[in-house]
PDB file of N, CA and C in Angstrom:
ATOM      1  N   MET A   1     352.917 125.732-161.511  1.00  0.00           N
ATOM      2  CA  MET A   1     351.941 125.577-160.535  1.00  0.00           C
ATOM      3  C   MET A   1     351.685 127.063-159.939  1.00  0.00           C
ATOM      4  N   GLN A   2     350.423 127.391-159.854  1.00  0.00           N
ATOM      5  CA  GLN A   2     350.083 128.656-159.134  1.00  0.00           C
ATOM      6  C   GLN A   2     349.051 128.338-157.973  1.00  0.00           C
ATOM      7  N   ASN A   3     349.307 128.836-156.815  1.00  0.00           N
ATOM      8  CA  ASN A   3     348.503 128.538-155.609  1.00  0.00           C
ATOM      9  C   ASN A   3     348.157 129.901-154.966  1.00  0.00           C
ATOM     10  N   TRP A   4     346.861 130.207-154.749  1.00  0.00           N
ATOM     11  CA  TRP A   4     346.566 131.350-154.049  1.00  0.00           C
ATOM     12  C   TRP A   4     345.211 131.191-153.171  1.00  0.00           C
ATOM     13  N   VAL A   5     345.229 132.025-152.139  1.00  0.00           N
ATOM     14  CA  VAL A   5     344.131 131.942-151.042  1.00  0.00           C
ATOM     15  C   VAL A   5     343.493 133.304-151.181  1.00  0.00           C
ATOM     16  N   LEU A   6     342.144 133.130-151.065  1.00  0.00           N
ATOM     17  CA  LEU A   6     341.373 134.453-150.980  1.00  0.00           C
ATOM     18  C   LEU A   6     340.645 134.468-149.655  1.00  0.00           C
ATOM     19  N   VAL A   7     340.605 135.542-149.029  1.00  0.00           N
ATOM     20  CA  VAL A   7     339.779 135.618-147.809  1.00  0.00           C
ATOM     21  C   VAL A   7     339.004 136.947-147.898  1.00  0.00           C
ATOM     22  N   SER A   8     337.665 136.936-147.742  1.00  0.00           N
ATOM     23  CA  SER A   8     336.931 138.121-147.780  1.00  0.00           C
ATOM     24  C   SER A   8     336.163 138.358-146.496  1.00  0.00           C
ATOM     25  N   ASN A   9     335.831 139.611-146.146  1.00  0.00           N
ATOM     26  CA  ASN A   9     335.107 140.199-145.074  1.00  0.00           C
ATOM     27  C   ASN A   9     333.843 140.584-145.709  1.00  0.00           C
ATOM     28  N   PRO A  10     332.700 139.885-145.586  1.00  0.00           N
ATOM     29  CA  PRO A  10     331.400 140.387-146.078  1.00  0.00           C
ATOM     30  C   PRO A  10     330.898 141.582-145.564  1.00  0.00           C
ATOM     31  N   GLY A  11     331.467 142.003-144.324  1.00  0.00           N
ATOM     32  CA  GLY A  11     330.884 143.160-143.725  1.00  0.00           C
ATOM     33  C   GLY A  11     329.866 142.877-142.664  1.00  0.00           C
ATOM     34  N   LEU A  12     329.253 141.721-142.814  1.00  0.00           N
ATOM     35  CA  LEU A  12     328.132 141.252-141.899  1.00  0.00           C
ATOM     36  C   LEU A  12     328.459 140.034-141.285  1.00  0.00           C
ATOM     37  N   ASP A  13     328.190 139.783-140.078  1.00  0.00           N
ATOM     38  CA  ASP A  13     328.333 138.487-139.381  1.00  0.00           C
ATOM     39  C   ASP A  13     327.260 137.468-139.668  1.00  0.00           C
ATOM     40  N   HIS A  14     327.348 136.184-139.153  1.00  0.00           N
ATOM     41  CA  HIS A  14     326.450 135.291-139.436  1.00  0.00           C
ATOM     42  C   HIS A  14     324.843 135.640-138.977  1.00  0.00           C
ATOM     43  N   ALA A  15     324.712 136.681-138.238  1.00  0.00           N
ATOM     44  CA  ALA A  15     323.444 137.000-137.762  1.00  0.00           C
ATOM     45  C   ALA A  15     322.951 138.083-138.604  1.00  0.00           C
ATOM     46  N   GLY A  16     323.706 138.745-139.519  1.00  0.00           N
ATOM     47  CA  GLY A  16     323.342 139.870-140.312  1.00  0.00           C
ATOM     48  C   GLY A  16     323.630 141.096-139.793  1.00  0.00           C
ATOM     49  N   VAL A  17     324.397 141.084-138.745  1.00  0.00           N
ATOM     50  CA  VAL A  17     324.778 142.401-137.955  1.00  0.00           C
ATOM     51  C   VAL A  17     326.165 142.898-138.620  1.00  0.00           C
ATOM     52  N   SER A  18     326.167 144.277-138.900  1.00  0.00           N
ATOM     53  CA  SER A  18     327.262 144.761-139.329  1.00  0.00           C
ATOM     54  C   SER A  18     328.662 144.688-138.472  1.00  0.00           C
ATOM     55  N   GLN A  19     329.725 144.308-139.147  1.00  0.00           N
ATOM     56  CA  GLN A  19     330.898 144.025-138.361  1.00  0.00           C
ATOM     57  C   GLN A  19     331.909 144.879-139.001  1.00  0.00           C
ATOM     58  N   GLY A  20     332.970 145.277-138.247  1.00  0.00           N
ATOM     59  CA  GLY A  20     334.064 146.034-138.648  1.00  0.00           C
ATOM     60  C   GLY A  20     335.186 145.231-139.323  1.00  0.00           C
ATOM     61  N   ALA A  21     336.348 145.748-139.286  1.00  0.00           N
ATOM     62  CA  ALA A  21     337.481 145.122-139.846  1.00  0.00           C
ATOM     63  C   ALA A  21     337.686 143.786-139.029  1.00  0.00           C
ATOM     64  N   VAL A  22     338.101 142.786-139.796  1.00  0.00           N
ATOM     65  CA  VAL A  22     338.589 141.524-138.987  1.00  0.00           C
ATOM     66  C   VAL A  22     340.036 141.292-139.311  1.00  0.00           C
ATOM     67  N   THR A  23     340.693 140.699-138.308  1.00  0.00           N
ATOM     68  CA  THR A  23     342.163 140.239-138.576  1.00  0.00           C
ATOM     69  C   THR A  23     342.153 138.794-138.799  1.00  0.00           C
ATOM     70  N   ALA A  24     342.837 138.477-139.900  1.00  0.00           N
ATOM     71  CA  ALA A  24     342.929 137.036-140.364  1.00  0.00           C
ATOM     72  C   ALA A  24     344.445 136.700-140.485  1.00  0.00           C
ATOM     73  N   THR A  25     344.593 135.419-140.404  1.00  0.00           N
ATOM     74  CA  THR A  25     345.889 134.659-140.575  1.00  0.00           C
ATOM     75  C   THR A  25     345.769 133.549-141.499  1.00  0.00           C
ATOM     76  N   ILE A  26     346.635 133.335-142.437  1.00  0.00           N
ATOM     77  CA  ILE A  26     346.731 132.314-143.291  1.00  0.00           C
ATOM     78  C   ILE A  26     348.077 131.395-142.966  1.00  0.00           C
ATOM     79  N   LYS A  27     347.744 130.165-142.674  1.00  0.00           N
ATOM     80  CA  LYS A  27     348.893 129.330-142.457  1.00  0.00           C
ATOM     81  C   LYS A  27     348.917 128.139-143.405  1.00  0.00           C
ATOM     82  N   VAL A  28     350.030 127.762-143.946  1.00  0.00           N
ATOM     83  CA  VAL A  28     350.344 126.567-144.719  1.00  0.00           C
ATOM     84  C   VAL A  28     351.304 125.629-144.036  1.00  0.00           C
ATOM     85  N   ALA A  29     350.776 124.484-143.792  1.00  0.00           N
ATOM     86  CA  ALA A  29     351.576 123.453-143.144  1.00  0.00           C
ATOM     87  C   ALA A  29     352.110 123.797-141.724  1.00  0.00           C
ATOM     88  N   GLY A  30     351.149 124.703-141.003  1.00  0.00           N
ATOM     89  CA  GLY A  30     351.420 125.171-139.735  1.00  0.00           C
ATOM     90  C   GLY A  30     352.233 126.436-139.704  1.00  0.00           C
ATOM     91  N   ASN A  31     352.855 126.939-140.799  1.00  0.00           N
ATOM     92  CA  ASN A  31     353.689 128.198-140.844  1.00  0.00           C
ATOM     93  C   ASN A  31     352.772 129.327-141.199  1.00  0.00           C
ATOM     94  N   THR A  32     352.879 130.430-140.524  1.00  0.00           N
ATOM     95  CA  THR A  32     352.104 131.600-140.872  1.00  0.00           C
ATOM     96  C   THR A  32     352.697 132.196-142.111  1.00  0.00           C
ATOM     97  N   ILE A  33     351.874 132.343-143.196  1.00  0.00           N
ATOM     98  CA  ILE A  33     352.429 132.958-144.356  1.00  0.00           C
ATOM     99  C   ILE A  33     351.865 134.309-144.549  1.00  0.00           C
ATOM    100  N   TRP A  34     350.689 134.726-143.990  1.00  0.00           N
ATOM    101  CA  TRP A  34     350.268 136.150-144.025  1.00  0.00           C
ATOM    102  C   TRP A  34     349.212 136.391-142.875  1.00  0.00           C
ATOM    103  N   SER A  35     349.299 137.495-142.434  1.00  0.00           N
ATOM    104  CA  SER A  35     348.561 137.938-141.245  1.00  0.00           C
ATOM    105  C   SER A  35     348.176 139.502-141.423  1.00  0.00           C
ATOM    106  N   GLY A  36     346.922 139.817-141.254  1.00  0.00           N
ATOM    107  CA  GLY A  36     346.587 141.244-141.431  1.00  0.00           C
ATOM    108  C   GLY A  36     345.193 141.554-141.178  1.00  0.00           C
ATOM    109  N   SER A  37     344.725 142.887-141.449  1.00  0.00           N
ATOM    110  CA  SER A  37     343.476 143.276-141.298  1.00  0.00           C
ATOM    111  C   SER A  37     342.702 143.363-142.550  1.00  0.00           C
ATOM    112  N   ILE A  38     341.381 142.942-142.546  1.00  0.00           N
ATOM    113  CA  ILE A  38     340.507 143.147-143.879  1.00  0.00           C
ATOM    114  C   ILE A  38     339.341 143.929-143.450  1.00  0.00           C
ATOM    115  N   ALA A  39     339.224 145.101-144.105  1.00  0.00           N
ATOM    116  CA  ALA A  39     338.084 145.901-144.009  1.00  0.00           C
ATOM    117  C   ALA A  39     336.690 145.432-144.416  1.00  0.00           C
ATOM    118  N   PRO A  40     335.588 145.834-143.844  1.00  0.00           N
ATOM    119  CA  PRO A  40     334.310 145.393-144.238  1.00  0.00           C
ATOM    120  C   PRO A  40     334.089 145.503-145.713  1.00  0.00           C
ATOM    121  N   GLY A  41     333.706 144.536-146.448  1.00  0.00           N
ATOM    122  CA  GLY A  41     333.407 144.425-147.839  1.00  0.00           C
ATOM    123  C   GLY A  41     334.601 144.278-148.616  1.00  0.00           C
ATOM    124  N   ALA A  42     335.882 144.026-148.059  1.00  0.00           N
ATOM    125  CA  ALA A  42     337.179 143.938-148.842  1.00  0.00           C
ATOM    126  C   ALA A  42     337.449 142.522-148.670  1.00  0.00           C
ATOM    127  N   ASP A  43     338.401 142.356-149.571  1.00  0.00           N
ATOM    128  CA  ASP A  43     339.073 140.963-149.598  1.00  0.00           C
ATOM    129  C   ASP A  43     340.539 140.927-149.864  1.00  0.00           C
ATOM    130  N   VAL A  44     341.334 139.943-149.571  1.00  0.00           N
ATOM    131  CA  VAL A  44     342.669 139.781-149.680  1.00  0.00           C
ATOM    132  C   VAL A  44     343.038 138.596-150.459  1.00  0.00           C
ATOM    133  N   THR A  45     343.912 138.694-151.428  1.00  0.00           N
ATOM    134  CA  THR A  45     344.287 137.521-152.335  1.00  0.00           C
ATOM    135  C   THR A  45     345.823 137.414-152.186  1.00  0.00           C
ATOM    136  N   ARG A  46     346.233 136.270-151.650  1.00  0.00           N
ATOM    137  CA  ARG A  46     347.779 136.038-151.466  1.00  0.00           C
ATOM    138  C   ARG A  46     348.202 134.782-152.285  1.00  0.00           C
ATOM    139  N   THR A  47     349.151 135.013-153.012  1.00  0.00           N
ATOM    140  CA  THR A  47     349.804 133.915-153.697  1.00  0.00           C
ATOM    141  C   THR A  47     350.959 133.214-153.018  1.00  0.00           C
ATOM    142  N   PHE A  48     351.204 132.007-153.291  1.00  0.00           N
ATOM    143  CA  PHE A  48     352.382 131.363-152.678  1.00  0.00           C
ATOM    144  C   PHE A  48     353.095 130.472-153.707  1.00  0.00           C
ATOM    145  N   PRO A  49     353.837 131.161-154.577  1.00  0.00           N
ATOM    146  CA  PRO A  49     354.644 130.471-155.466  1.00  0.00           C
ATOM    147  C   PRO A  49     355.585 129.447-154.963  1.00  0.00           C
ATOM    148  N   GLY A  50     355.491 128.257-155.438  1.00  0.00           N
ATOM    149  CA  GLY A  50     356.438 127.260-155.125  1.00  0.00           C
ATOM    150  C   GLY A  50     355.913 126.357-153.894  1.00  0.00           C
ATOM    151  N   LYS A  51     354.854 126.843-153.270  1.00  0.00           N
ATOM    152  CA  LYS A  51     354.474 126.032-151.960  1.00  0.00           C
ATOM    153  C   LYS A  51     353.655 125.028-152.233  1.00  0.00           C
ATOM    154  N   MET A  52     353.882 123.861-151.751  1.00  0.00           N
ATOM    155  CA  MET A  52     353.100 122.631-151.883  1.00  0.00           C
ATOM    156  C   MET A  52     352.967 122.014-150.488  1.00  0.00           C
ATOM    157  N   GLY A  53     351.976 121.277-150.475  1.00  0.00           N
ATOM    158  CA  GLY A  53     351.670 120.655-149.064  1.00  0.00           C
ATOM    159  C   GLY A  53     350.661 121.389-148.252  1.00  0.00           C
ATOM    160  N   GLY A  54     350.253 120.882-147.204  1.00  0.00           N
ATOM    161  CA  GLY A  54     349.339 121.598-146.390  1.00  0.00           C
ATOM    162  C   GLY A  54     349.196 120.960-145.080  1.00  0.00           C
ATOM    163  N   PRO A  55     348.180 121.073-144.336  1.00  0.00           N
ATOM    164  CA  PRO A  55     346.905 121.824-144.823  1.00  0.00           C
ATOM    165  C   PRO A  55     347.086 123.322-144.753  1.00  0.00           C
ATOM    166  N   VAL A  56     346.062 123.906-145.454  1.00  0.00           N
ATOM    167  CA  VAL A  56     345.973 125.516-145.492  1.00  0.00           C
ATOM    168  C   VAL A  56     344.766 125.740-144.435  1.00  0.00           C
ATOM    169  N   GLN A  57     345.213 126.786-143.544  1.00  0.00           N
ATOM    170  CA  GLN A  57     344.334 127.004-142.423  1.00  0.00           C
ATOM    171  C   GLN A  57     344.191 128.636-142.369  1.00  0.00           C
ATOM    172  N   VAL A  58     342.907 128.910-142.456  1.00  0.00           N
ATOM    173  CA  VAL A  58     342.583 130.400-142.286  1.00  0.00           C
ATOM    174  C   VAL A  58     341.771 130.623-141.069  1.00  0.00           C
ATOM    175  N   THR A  59     342.237 131.507-140.220  1.00  0.00           N
ATOM    176  CA  THR A  59     341.629 131.956-139.076  1.00  0.00           C
ATOM    177  C   THR A  59     341.309 133.338-138.984  1.00  0.00           C
ATOM    178  N   ALA A  60     340.241 133.767-138.424  1.00  0.00           N
ATOM    179  CA  ALA A  60     339.941 135.237-138.364  1.00  0.00           C
ATOM    180  C   ALA A  60     339.135 135.630-137.003  1.00  0.00           C
ATOM    181  N   SER A  61     339.210 136.839-136.819  1.00  0.00           N
ATOM    182  CA  SER A  61     338.465 137.428-135.621  1.00  0.00           C
ATOM    183  C   SER A  61     336.975 137.618-135.830  1.00  0.00           C
ATOM    184  N   GLY A  62     336.491 137.479-136.925  1.00  0.00           N
ATOM    185  CA  GLY A  62     335.094 137.747-137.315  1.00  0.00           C
ATOM    186  C   GLY A  62     334.707 136.765-138.494  1.00  0.00           C
ATOM    187  N   ASP A  63     333.547 136.844-138.971  1.00  0.00           N
ATOM    188  CA  ASP A  63     333.054 136.013-140.029  1.00  0.00           C
ATOM    189  C   ASP A  63     333.763 136.370-141.291  1.00  0.00           C
ATOM    190  N   THR A  64     334.255 135.524-142.117  1.00  0.00           N
ATOM    191  CA  THR A  64     334.873 135.509-143.354  1.00  0.00           C
ATOM    192  C   THR A  64     334.503 134.492-144.274  1.00  0.00           C
ATOM    193  N   ILE A  65     334.790 134.689-145.594  1.00  0.00           N
ATOM    194  CA  ILE A  65     334.700 133.710-146.444  1.00  0.00           C
ATOM    195  C   ILE A  65     336.099 133.334-147.183  1.00  0.00           C
ATOM    196  N   ALA A  66     336.410 132.176-147.290  1.00  0.00           N
ATOM    197  CA  ALA A  66     337.847 131.835-147.625  1.00  0.00           C
ATOM    198  C   ALA A  66     337.826 130.729-148.715  1.00  0.00           C
ATOM    199  N   SER A  67     338.679 130.857-149.731  1.00  0.00           N
ATOM    200  CA  SER A  67     338.846 129.632-150.709  1.00  0.00           C
ATOM    201  C   SER A  67     340.242 129.520-151.096  1.00  0.00           C
ATOM    202  N   GLN A  68     340.638 128.416-151.534  1.00  0.00           N
ATOM    203  CA  GLN A  68     342.003 128.194-152.167  1.00  0.00           C
ATOM    204  C   GLN A  68     341.806 127.674-153.769  1.00  0.00           C
ATOM    205  N   ARG A  69     342.716 128.528-154.397  1.00  0.00           N
ATOM    206  CA  ARG A  69     342.686 128.134-155.845  1.00  0.00           C
ATOM    207  C   ARG A  69     343.933 127.685-156.346  1.00  0.00           C
ATOM    208  N   VAL A  70     343.975 126.653-157.148  1.00  0.00           N
ATOM    209  CA  VAL A  70     345.138 126.044-157.559  1.00  0.00           C
ATOM    210  C   VAL A  70     345.161 125.806-159.131  1.00  0.00           C
ATOM    211  N   LEU A  71     346.166 126.284-159.850  1.00  0.00           N
ATOM    212  CA  LEU A  71     346.297 125.851-161.259  1.00  0.00           C
ATOM    213  C   LEU A  71     347.569 125.199-161.365  1.00  0.00           C
ATOM    214  N   TYR A  72     347.349 123.809-161.809  1.00  0.00           N
ATOM    215  CA  TYR A  72     348.539 122.919-162.016  1.00  0.00           C
ATOM    216  C   TYR A  72     348.464 122.221-163.259  1.00  0.00           C
ATOM    217  N   ASN A  73     349.448 122.448-164.046  1.00  0.00           N
ATOM    218  CA  ASN A  73     349.522 121.624-165.253  1.00  0.00           C
ATOM    219  C   ASN A  73     348.400 121.731-166.209  1.00  0.00           C
ATOM    220  N   GLY A  74     347.754 123.003-166.151  1.00  0.00           N
ATOM    221  CA  GLY A  74     346.627 123.286-167.131  1.00  0.00           C
ATOM    222  C   GLY A  74     345.332 122.968-166.515  1.00  0.00           C
ATOM    223  N   TYR A  75     345.279 122.498-165.269  1.00  0.00           N
ATOM    224  CA  TYR A  75     344.044 122.032-164.292  1.00  0.00           C
ATOM    225  C   TYR A  75     343.764 123.208-163.323  1.00  0.00           C
ATOM    226  N   PHE A  76     342.517 123.521-163.145  1.00  0.00           N
ATOM    227  CA  PHE A  76     342.151 124.518-162.254  1.00  0.00           C
ATOM    228  C   PHE A  76     341.331 123.842-161.196  1.00  0.00           C
ATOM    229  N   ASN A  77     341.543 124.151-159.951  1.00  0.00           N
ATOM    230  CA  ASN A  77     340.649 123.590-158.850  1.00  0.00           C
ATOM    231  C   ASN A  77     340.505 124.673-157.747  1.00  0.00           C
ATOM    232  N   GLU A  78     339.309 124.723-157.267  1.00  0.00           N
ATOM    233  CA  GLU A  78     338.995 125.643-156.223  1.00  0.00           C
ATOM    234  C   GLU A  78     338.358 125.041-155.027  1.00  0.00           C
ATOM    235  N   VAL A  79     338.755 125.332-153.673  1.00  0.00           N
ATOM    236  CA  VAL A  79     338.128 124.674-152.590  1.00  0.00           C
ATOM    237  C   VAL A  79     337.668 125.750-151.706  1.00  0.00           C
ATOM    238  N   LEU A  80     336.412 125.837-151.285  1.00  0.00           N
ATOM    239  CA  LEU A  80     335.982 126.696-150.286  1.00  0.00           C
ATOM    240  C   LEU A  80     336.248 126.304-148.895  1.00  0.00           C
ATOM    241  N   GLY A  81     336.580 127.167-148.077  1.00  0.00           N
ATOM    242  CA  GLY A  81     336.882 126.929-146.744  1.00  0.00           C
ATOM    243  C   GLY A  81     335.580 126.421-145.930  1.00  0.00           C
ATOM    244  N   GLN A  82     335.809 125.687-144.847  1.00  0.00           N
ATOM    245  CA  GLN A  82     334.697 125.225-144.037  1.00  0.00           C
ATOM    246  C   GLN A  82     334.630 125.787-142.652  1.00  0.00           C
TER     247      GLN A  82
END
């Protein structure tokens, strides 16, 4: 099983205004797995070997795009954040 979360800072907020770096936190089942800064136009990919269960929660200080990807027993699934 492979499990990873991607968080991107598009560099623009929802109104199309340029934004700087954002601080983001990824939690799995309520436990902080990663926290850090993401520059405008950059993204972060974090893997979580052996982690199962959830929920997965991504919070950020600005607008971001997040998704979770899972490869399990030959099947691939991707879920976009809401």
